[in-house]
Amino acid sequence: MESKTFQVPAIGCDGCVRTIKTEVSQITGVKAVDGVVASKTVTVQWDAPATWEQIKATLTEIEYAPA
C-alpha cells in the first residue's frame, strides 16, 4: 500500500474535506482519505490500480490541487 500526505491550499472548511474524501474515495484502489482543515493537509492511502497521478488529476479537476 502506498501513502502520501500533502498540502491542499484550497481547503477552507470541513465541507472541502468532505468533497475531497467523496471524490478521491471513488477511485478504484483508494483505501483511505483523511483531511485536516487546520493544517490544510490530506493523507491518501491506495493500492493498484490507483496511482498518485490519477489521485492528483482528480484533485485538480475538483479544484483542490495539491501544492
PDB file of N, CA and C in Angstrom:
ATOM      1  N   MET A   1       0.851  -1.182   0.000  1.00  0.00           N
ATOM      2  CA  MET A   1       0.000   0.000   0.000  1.00  0.00           C
ATOM      3  C   MET A   1       0.891   1.238   0.000  1.00  0.00           C
ATOM      4  N   GLU A   2       0.491   2.204  -0.791  1.00  0.00           N
ATOM      5  CA  GLU A   2       1.205   3.477  -0.840  1.00  0.00           C
ATOM      6  C   GLU A   2       0.427   4.512  -0.040  1.00  0.00           C
ATOM      7  N   SER A   3       1.134   5.508   0.458  1.00  0.00           N
ATOM      8  CA  SER A   3       0.522   6.569   1.242  1.00  0.00           C
ATOM      9  C   SER A   3       1.247   7.875   0.964  1.00  0.00           C
ATOM     10  N   LYS A   4       0.478   8.961   0.943  1.00  0.00           N
ATOM     11  CA  LYS A   4       1.087  10.267   0.711  1.00  0.00           C
ATOM     12  C   LYS A   4       0.292  11.313   1.490  1.00  0.00           C
ATOM     13  N   THR A   5       1.018  12.190   2.171  1.00  0.00           N
ATOM     14  CA  THR A   5       0.421  13.328   2.860  1.00  0.00           C
ATOM     15  C   THR A   5       0.910  14.584   2.153  1.00  0.00           C
ATOM     16  N   PHE A   6      -0.010  15.485   1.857  1.00  0.00           N
ATOM     17  CA  PHE A   6       0.333  16.665   1.061  1.00  0.00           C
ATOM     18  C   PHE A   6      -0.554  17.835   1.443  1.00  0.00           C
ATOM     19  N   GLN A   7      -0.107  19.032   1.105  1.00  0.00           N
ATOM     20  CA  GLN A   7      -0.844  20.268   1.354  1.00  0.00           C
ATOM     21  C   GLN A   7      -1.846  20.524   0.230  1.00  0.00           C
ATOM     22  N   VAL A   8      -3.020  21.021   0.627  1.00  0.00           N
ATOM     23  CA  VAL A   8      -4.035  21.459  -0.336  1.00  0.00           C
ATOM     24  C   VAL A   8      -4.454  22.866   0.099  1.00  0.00           C
ATOM     25  N   PRO A   9      -3.826  23.897  -0.488  1.00  0.00           N
ATOM     26  CA  PRO A   9      -4.094  25.281  -0.061  1.00  0.00           C
ATOM     27  C   PRO A   9      -5.556  25.702  -0.149  1.00  0.00           C
ATOM     28  N   ALA A  10      -6.348  25.075  -1.012  1.00  0.00           N
ATOM     29  CA  ALA A  10      -7.737  25.478  -1.206  1.00  0.00           C
ATOM     30  C   ALA A  10      -8.674  25.005  -0.093  1.00  0.00           C
ATOM     31  N   ILE A  11      -8.201  24.162   0.826  1.00  0.00           N
ATOM     32  CA  ILE A  11      -9.067  23.694   1.916  1.00  0.00           C
ATOM     33  C   ILE A  11      -9.370  24.867   2.841  1.00  0.00           C
ATOM     34  N   GLY A  12     -10.666  25.085   3.078  1.00  0.00           N
ATOM     35  CA  GLY A  12     -11.066  26.171   3.952  1.00  0.00           C
ATOM     36  C   GLY A  12     -12.052  25.758   5.028  1.00  0.00           C
ATOM     37  N   CYS A  13     -12.646  24.553   4.886  1.00  0.00           N
ATOM     38  CA  CYS A  13     -13.660  24.130   5.848  1.00  0.00           C
ATOM     39  C   CYS A  13     -13.848  22.616   5.787  1.00  0.00           C
ATOM     40  N   ASP A  14     -14.688  22.114   6.698  1.00  0.00           N
ATOM     41  CA  ASP A  14     -14.960  20.671   6.718  1.00  0.00           C
ATOM     42  C   ASP A  14     -15.653  20.209   5.437  1.00  0.00           C
ATOM     43  N   GLY A  15     -16.419  21.094   4.821  1.00  0.00           N
ATOM     44  CA  GLY A  15     -17.079  20.747   3.562  1.00  0.00           C
ATOM     45  C   GLY A  15     -16.064  20.458   2.467  1.00  0.00           C
ATOM     46  N   CYS A  16     -14.974  21.208   2.462  1.00  0.00           N
ATOM     47  CA  CYS A  16     -13.899  20.970   1.485  1.00  0.00           C
ATOM     48  C   CYS A  16     -13.324  19.569   1.681  1.00  0.00           C
ATOM     49  N   VAL A  17     -13.070  19.213   2.940  1.00  0.00           N
ATOM     50  CA  VAL A  17     -12.506  17.897   3.246  1.00  0.00           C
ATOM     51  C   VAL A  17     -13.491  16.800   2.832  1.00  0.00           C
ATOM     52  N   ARG A  18     -14.786  17.005   3.098  1.00  0.00           N
ATOM     53  CA  ARG A  18     -15.806  16.015   2.694  1.00  0.00           C
ATOM     54  C   ARG A  18     -15.815  15.826   1.187  1.00  0.00           C
ATOM     55  N   THR A  19     -15.742  16.917   0.449  1.00  0.00           N
ATOM     56  CA  THR A  19     -15.716  16.835  -1.013  1.00  0.00           C
ATOM     57  C   THR A  19     -14.506  16.039  -1.487  1.00  0.00           C
ATOM     58  N   ILE A  20     -13.345  16.325  -0.929  1.00  0.00           N
ATOM     59  CA  ILE A  20     -12.122  15.614  -1.298  1.00  0.00           C
ATOM     60  C   ILE A  20     -12.275  14.125  -0.994  1.00  0.00           C
ATOM     61  N   LYS A  21     -12.754  13.798   0.210  1.00  0.00           N
ATOM     62  CA  LYS A  21     -12.939  12.394   0.592  1.00  0.00           C
ATOM     63  C   LYS A  21     -13.896  11.686  -0.363  1.00  0.00           C
ATOM     64  N   THR A  22     -15.021  12.331  -0.662  1.00  0.00           N
ATOM     65  CA  THR A  22     -16.021  11.725  -1.532  1.00  0.00           C
ATOM     66  C   THR A  22     -15.462  11.443  -2.919  1.00  0.00           C
ATOM     67  N   GLU A  23     -14.812  12.428  -3.509  1.00  0.00           N
ATOM     68  CA  GLU A  23     -14.315  12.284  -4.883  1.00  0.00           C
ATOM     69  C   GLU A  23     -13.136  11.315  -4.986  1.00  0.00           C
ATOM     70  N   VAL A  24     -12.164  11.452  -4.099  1.00  0.00           N
ATOM     71  CA  VAL A  24     -10.966  10.606  -4.173  1.00  0.00           C
ATOM     72  C   VAL A  24     -11.295   9.160  -3.805  1.00  0.00           C
ATOM     73  N   SER A  25     -12.239   8.958  -2.884  1.00  0.00           N
ATOM     74  CA  SER A  25     -12.623   7.600  -2.485  1.00  0.00           C
ATOM     75  C   SER A  25     -13.249   6.809  -3.622  1.00  0.00           C
ATOM     76  N   GLN A  26     -13.745   7.494  -4.643  1.00  0.00           N
ATOM     77  CA  GLN A  26     -14.362   6.813  -5.785  1.00  0.00           C
ATOM     78  C   GLN A  26     -13.333   6.200  -6.729  1.00  0.00           C
ATOM     79  N   ILE A  27     -12.067   6.530  -6.565  1.00  0.00           N
ATOM     80  CA  ILE A  27     -11.016   5.962  -7.413  1.00  0.00           C
ATOM     81  C   ILE A  27     -10.760   4.533  -6.962  1.00  0.00           C
ATOM     82  N   THR A  28     -10.835   3.593  -7.892  1.00  0.00           N
ATOM     83  CA  THR A  28     -10.606   2.192  -7.573  1.00  0.00           C
ATOM     84  C   THR A  28      -9.191   2.002  -7.033  1.00  0.00           C
ATOM     85  N   GLY A  29      -9.097   1.413  -5.854  1.00  0.00           N
ATOM     86  CA  GLY A  29      -7.806   1.168  -5.224  1.00  0.00           C
ATOM     87  C   GLY A  29      -7.528   2.082  -4.049  1.00  0.00           C
ATOM     88  N   VAL A  30      -8.245   3.207  -3.951  1.00  0.00           N
ATOM     89  CA  VAL A  30      -8.046   4.114  -2.820  1.00  0.00           C
ATOM     90  C   VAL A  30      -8.670   3.477  -1.578  1.00  0.00           C
ATOM     91  N   LYS A  31      -7.867   3.362  -0.517  1.00  0.00           N
ATOM     92  CA  LYS A  31      -8.306   2.693   0.713  1.00  0.00           C
ATOM     93  C   LYS A  31      -8.744   3.672   1.796  1.00  0.00           C
ATOM     94  N   ALA A  32      -8.094   4.841   1.877  1.00  0.00           N
ATOM     95  CA  ALA A  32      -8.427   5.802   2.930  1.00  0.00           C
ATOM     96  C   ALA A  32      -8.067   7.210   2.481  1.00  0.00           C
ATOM     97  N   VAL A  33      -8.906   8.162   2.901  1.00  0.00           N
ATOM     98  CA  VAL A  33      -8.653   9.581   2.633  1.00  0.00           C
ATOM     99  C   VAL A  33      -8.978  10.335   3.919  1.00  0.00           C
ATOM    100  N   ASP A  34      -8.004  11.072   4.429  1.00  0.00           N
ATOM    101  CA  ASP A  34      -8.210  11.872   5.633  1.00  0.00           C
ATOM    102  C   ASP A  34      -7.711  13.285   5.374  1.00  0.00           C
ATOM    103  N   GLY A  35      -8.431  14.261   5.906  1.00  0.00           N
ATOM    104  CA  GLY A  35      -8.023  15.650   5.737  1.00  0.00           C
ATOM    105  C   GLY A  35      -8.096  16.411   7.045  1.00  0.00           C
ATOM    106  N   VAL A  36      -7.229  17.418   7.182  1.00  0.00           N
ATOM    107  CA  VAL A  36      -7.208  18.267   8.374  1.00  0.00           C
ATOM    108  C   VAL A  36      -7.307  19.721   7.904  1.00  0.00           C
ATOM    109  N   VAL A  37      -8.400  20.366   8.289  1.00  0.00           N
ATOM    110  CA  VAL A  37      -8.640  21.742   7.857  1.00  0.00           C
ATOM    111  C   VAL A  37      -7.558  22.679   8.393  1.00  0.00           C
ATOM    112  N   ALA A  38      -7.216  22.570   9.673  1.00  0.00           N
ATOM    113  CA  ALA A  38      -6.274  23.497  10.313  1.00  0.00           C
ATOM    114  C   ALA A  38      -4.917  23.533   9.619  1.00  0.00           C
ATOM    115  N   SER A  39      -4.431  22.367   9.195  1.00  0.00           N
ATOM    116  CA  SER A  39      -3.115  22.313   8.542  1.00  0.00           C
ATOM    117  C   SER A  39      -3.212  22.261   7.024  1.00  0.00           C
ATOM    118  N   LYS A  40      -4.461  22.208   6.512  1.00  0.00           N
ATOM    119  CA  LYS A  40      -4.710  22.123   5.068  1.00  0.00           C
ATOM    120  C   LYS A  40      -3.949  20.951   4.445  1.00  0.00           C
ATOM    121  N   THR A  41      -3.976  19.808   5.150  1.00  0.00           N
ATOM    122  CA  THR A  41      -3.299  18.618   4.645  1.00  0.00           C
ATOM    123  C   THR A  41      -4.294  17.497   4.383  1.00  0.00           C
ATOM    124  N   VAL A  42      -3.917  16.643   3.449  1.00  0.00           N
ATOM    125  CA  VAL A  42      -4.701  15.457   3.108  1.00  0.00           C
ATOM    126  C   VAL A  42      -3.741  14.277   3.071  1.00  0.00           C
ATOM    127  N   THR A  43      -4.190  13.141   3.590  1.00  0.00           N
ATOM    128  CA  THR A  43      -3.432  11.894   3.507  1.00  0.00           C
ATOM    129  C   THR A  43      -4.281  10.882   2.750  1.00  0.00           C
ATOM    130  N   VAL A  44      -3.692  10.284   1.730  1.00  0.00           N
ATOM    131  CA  VAL A  44      -4.384   9.274   0.934  1.00  0.00           C
ATOM    132  C   VAL A  44      -3.574   7.981   0.982  1.00  0.00           C
ATOM    133  N   GLN A  45      -4.259   6.856   1.181  1.00  0.00           N
ATOM    134  CA  GLN A  45      -3.636   5.540   1.113  1.00  0.00           C
ATOM    135  C   GLN A  45      -4.288   4.785  -0.029  1.00  0.00           C
ATOM    136  N   TRP A  46      -3.455   4.126  -0.848  1.00  0.00           N
ATOM    137  CA  TRP A  46      -4.012   3.423  -2.002  1.00  0.00           C
ATOM    138  C   TRP A  46      -3.172   2.213  -2.395  1.00  0.00           C
ATOM    139  N   ASP A  47      -3.820   1.337  -3.149  1.00  0.00           N
ATOM    140  CA  ASP A  47      -3.192   0.178  -3.793  1.00  0.00           C
ATOM    141  C   ASP A  47      -3.498   0.284  -5.271  1.00  0.00           C
ATOM    142  N   ALA A  48      -2.787  -0.503  -6.091  1.00  0.00           N
ATOM    143  CA  ALA A  48      -3.085  -0.576  -7.519  1.00  0.00           C
ATOM    144  C   ALA A  48      -4.532  -1.052  -7.674  1.00  0.00           C
ATOM    145  N   PRO A  49      -5.265  -0.580  -8.657  1.00  0.00           N
ATOM    146  CA  PRO A  49      -4.792   0.143  -9.832  1.00  0.00           C
ATOM    147  C   PRO A  49      -4.684   1.661  -9.660  1.00  0.00           C
ATOM    148  N   ALA A  50      -5.014   2.199  -8.480  1.00  0.00           N
ATOM    149  CA  ALA A  50      -4.898   3.647  -8.274  1.00  0.00           C
ATOM    150  C   ALA A  50      -3.429   4.070  -8.353  1.00  0.00           C
ATOM    151  N   THR A  51      -3.211   5.289  -8.840  1.00  0.00           N
ATOM    152  CA  THR A  51      -1.857   5.849  -8.923  1.00  0.00           C
ATOM    153  C   THR A  51      -1.891   7.277  -8.369  1.00  0.00           C
ATOM    154  N   TRP A  52      -0.716   7.774  -7.963  1.00  0.00           N
ATOM    155  CA  TRP A  52      -0.639   9.157  -7.496  1.00  0.00           C
ATOM    156  C   TRP A  52      -1.078  10.113  -8.598  1.00  0.00           C
ATOM    157  N   GLU A  53      -0.691   9.837  -9.835  1.00  0.00           N
ATOM    158  CA  GLU A  53      -1.065  10.706 -10.952  1.00  0.00           C
ATOM    159  C   GLU A  53      -2.588  10.789 -11.092  1.00  0.00           C
ATOM    160  N   GLN A  54      -3.267   9.673 -10.914  1.00  0.00           N
ATOM    161  CA  GLN A  54      -4.730   9.642 -11.012  1.00  0.00           C
ATOM    162  C   GLN A  54      -5.362  10.424  -9.859  1.00  0.00           C
ATOM    163  N   ILE A  55      -4.825  10.255  -8.658  1.00  0.00           N
ATOM    164  CA  ILE A  55      -5.337  10.970  -7.487  1.00  0.00           C
ATOM    165  C   ILE A  55      -5.122  12.473  -7.665  1.00  0.00           C
ATOM    166  N   LYS A  56      -3.929  12.850  -8.086  1.00  0.00           N
ATOM    167  CA  LYS A  56      -3.595  14.260  -8.312  1.00  0.00           C
ATOM    168  C   LYS A  56      -4.504  14.867  -9.388  1.00  0.00           C
ATOM    169  N   ALA A  57      -4.755  14.145 -10.458  1.00  0.00           N
ATOM    170  CA  ALA A  57      -5.624  14.629 -11.537  1.00  0.00           C
ATOM    171  C   ALA A  57      -7.050  14.840 -11.032  1.00  0.00           C
ATOM    172  N   THR A  58      -7.535  13.937 -10.200  1.00  0.00           N
ATOM    173  CA  THR A  58      -8.885  14.079  -9.642  1.00  0.00           C
ATOM    174  C   THR A  58      -8.963  15.303  -8.748  1.00  0.00           C
ATOM    175  N   LEU A  59      -7.963  15.492  -7.899  1.00  0.00           N
ATOM    176  CA  LEU A  59      -7.943  16.665  -7.021  1.00  0.00           C
ATOM    177  C   LEU A  59      -7.898  17.962  -7.824  1.00  0.00           C
ATOM    178  N   THR A  60      -7.111  17.990  -8.871  1.00  0.00           N
ATOM    179  CA  THR A  60      -7.006  19.183  -9.721  1.00  0.00           C
ATOM    180  C   THR A  60      -8.335  19.453 -10.413  1.00  0.00           C
ATOM    181  N   GLU A  61      -8.985  18.395 -10.875  1.00  0.00           N
ATOM    182  CA  GLU A  61     -10.274  18.527 -11.574  1.00  0.00           C
ATOM    183  C   GLU A  61     -11.350  19.131 -10.666  1.00  0.00           C
ATOM    184  N   ILE A  62     -11.328  18.794  -9.372  1.00  0.00           N
ATOM    185  CA  ILE A  62     -12.343  19.325  -8.445  1.00  0.00           C
ATOM    186  C   ILE A  62     -11.862  20.600  -7.730  1.00  0.00           C
ATOM    187  N   GLU A  63     -10.770  21.164  -8.239  1.00  0.00           N
ATOM    188  CA  GLU A  63     -10.223  22.438  -7.774  1.00  0.00           C
ATOM    189  C   GLU A  63      -9.648  22.388  -6.356  1.00  0.00           C
ATOM    190  N   TYR A  64      -9.084  21.235  -5.999  1.00  0.00           N
ATOM    191  CA  TYR A  64      -8.351  21.078  -4.743  1.00  0.00           C
ATOM    192  C   TYR A  64      -6.968  20.510  -5.070  1.00  0.00           C
ATOM    193  N   ALA A  65      -6.262  21.176  -5.945  1.00  0.00           N
ATOM    194  CA  ALA A  65      -4.954  20.710  -6.401  1.00  0.00           C
ATOM    195  C   ALA A  65      -3.951  20.664  -5.260  1.00  0.00           C
ATOM    196  N   PRO A  66      -3.158  19.583  -5.193  1.00  0.00           N
ATOM    197  CA  PRO A  66      -2.112  19.511  -4.171  1.00  0.00           C
ATOM    198  C   PRO A  66      -1.000  20.498  -4.456  1.00  0.00           C
ATOM    199  N   ALA A  67      -0.417  21.040  -3.388  1.00  0.00           N
ATOM    200  CA  ALA A  67       0.684  22.001  -3.551  1.00  0.00           C
ATOM    201  C   ALA A  67       1.977  21.266  -3.860  1.00  0.00           C
TER     202      ALA A  67
END
